[in-house]
Amino acid sequence: MEDRPYITCRELIEFLYLYLGGELPSERVAEFDRHLNVCPSCVAYIETYKETAALGRQAFQDLEQPVGTAVPEELVSAILSVRRKT
């Protein structure tokens, strides 16, 4: 089997959630891995993506935890208002 040309950064980003979720076929994973071996920008992007997702999960671990005093009351009110609408 001949390798396809490297995927583009845009292709990597479009299918990133499938790649990280282990939902891509092995051939496509190999293409992603080939791209990541030559593209430090995409490697950095993926690390930032993973960190952002982890921080998001961490922020919602304990919804009953009281909000610190450093958070402006307007922000808390806005978040609670949106949460009630969904």
Protein backbone atom coordinates (compact mmCIF):
# COMPACT_ATOMS: atom_id res chain seq x y z
CA MET A 1 0.00 0.00 0.00
CA GLU A 2 1.42 3.37 -1.00
CA ASP A 3 1.15 6.20 1.50
CA ARG A 4 -1.06 9.11 0.60
CA PRO A 5 0.52 12.53 0.60
CA TYR A 6 0.58 14.09 4.05
CA ILE A 7 -2.75 15.33 5.29
CA THR A 8 -3.05 19.07 5.73
CA CYS A 9 -3.27 20.87 9.03
CA ARG A 10 -6.88 21.72 8.19
CA GLU A 11 -7.74 18.03 7.66
CA LEU A 12 -6.11 17.16 10.96
CA ILE A 13 -8.13 19.78 12.82
CA GLU A 14 -11.40 18.79 11.11
CA PHE A 15 -11.09 15.19 12.30
CA LEU A 16 -9.22 15.82 15.56
CA TYR A 17 -12.07 14.73 17.83
CA LEU A 18 -12.25 11.38 16.00
CA TYR A 19 -8.49 10.94 16.21
CA LEU A 20 -8.36 11.68 19.93
CA GLY A 21 -11.44 9.55 20.56
CA GLY A 22 -9.87 6.55 18.86
CA GLU A 23 -12.62 6.50 16.24
CA LEU A 24 -10.52 6.74 13.07
CA PRO A 25 -9.61 3.69 10.96
CA SER A 26 -5.99 2.61 11.43
CA GLU A 27 -5.01 3.91 7.96
CA ARG A 28 -6.22 7.39 8.84
CA VAL A 29 -4.50 7.23 12.25
CA ALA A 30 -1.27 6.46 10.42
CA GLU A 31 -1.80 9.54 8.22
CA PHE A 32 -2.41 11.69 11.30
CA ASP A 33 0.71 10.30 12.97
CA ARG A 34 2.80 10.96 9.84
CA HIS A 35 1.58 14.56 9.81
CA LEU A 36 2.29 15.02 13.51
CA ASN A 37 5.84 13.74 13.02
CA VAL A 38 6.59 16.69 10.73
CA CYS A 39 4.30 19.45 12.06
CA PRO A 40 5.18 20.86 15.49
CA SER A 41 2.38 23.42 15.14
CA CYS A 42 -0.26 20.69 15.06
CA VAL A 43 1.39 18.88 17.96
CA ALA A 44 1.18 22.10 19.98
CA TYR A 45 -2.43 22.61 18.88
CA ILE A 46 -3.39 19.10 20.05
CA GLU A 47 -1.72 19.62 23.42
CA THR A 48 -3.61 22.89 23.87
CA TYR A 49 -6.85 21.18 22.80
CA LYS A 50 -6.33 18.37 25.34
CA GLU A 51 -5.50 20.83 28.11
CA THR A 52 -8.56 22.93 27.35
CA ALA A 53 -10.82 19.87 27.43
CA ALA A 54 -9.30 18.75 30.74
CA LEU A 55 -9.78 22.19 32.28
CA GLY A 56 -13.39 22.23 31.08
CA ARG A 57 -14.07 18.85 32.71
CA GLN A 58 -12.32 19.96 35.88
CA ALA A 59 -14.42 23.12 36.07
CA PHE A 60 -17.62 21.07 36.23
CA GLN A 61 -16.50 18.30 38.59
CA ASP A 62 -18.31 19.71 41.62
CA LEU A 63 -21.25 21.88 40.66
CA GLU A 64 -22.27 22.25 44.31
CA GLN A 65 -18.94 23.82 45.33
CA PRO A 66 -19.43 27.47 46.34
CA VAL A 67 -18.09 30.13 44.02
CA GLY A 68 -15.05 31.99 45.30
CA THR A 69 -15.28 35.65 46.21
CA ALA A 70 -12.89 36.60 43.39
CA VAL A 71 -15.57 35.85 40.79
CA PRO A 72 -17.68 38.92 39.91
CA GLU A 73 -21.32 38.51 40.88
CA GLU A 74 -22.40 39.65 37.38
CA LEU A 75 -20.50 36.72 35.85
CA VAL A 76 -22.06 34.22 38.26
CA SER A 77 -25.54 35.59 37.53
CA ALA A 78 -24.99 35.42 33.76
CA ILE A 79 -23.77 31.83 33.92
CA LEU A 80 -26.66 30.73 36.12
CA SER A 81 -29.14 32.51 33.84
CA VAL A 82 -27.86 30.69 30.75
CA ARG A 83 -27.74 27.38 32.62
CA ARG A 84 -31.43 27.71 33.57
CA LYS A 85 -32.36 28.29 29.91
CA THR A 86 -30.73 25.06 28.68
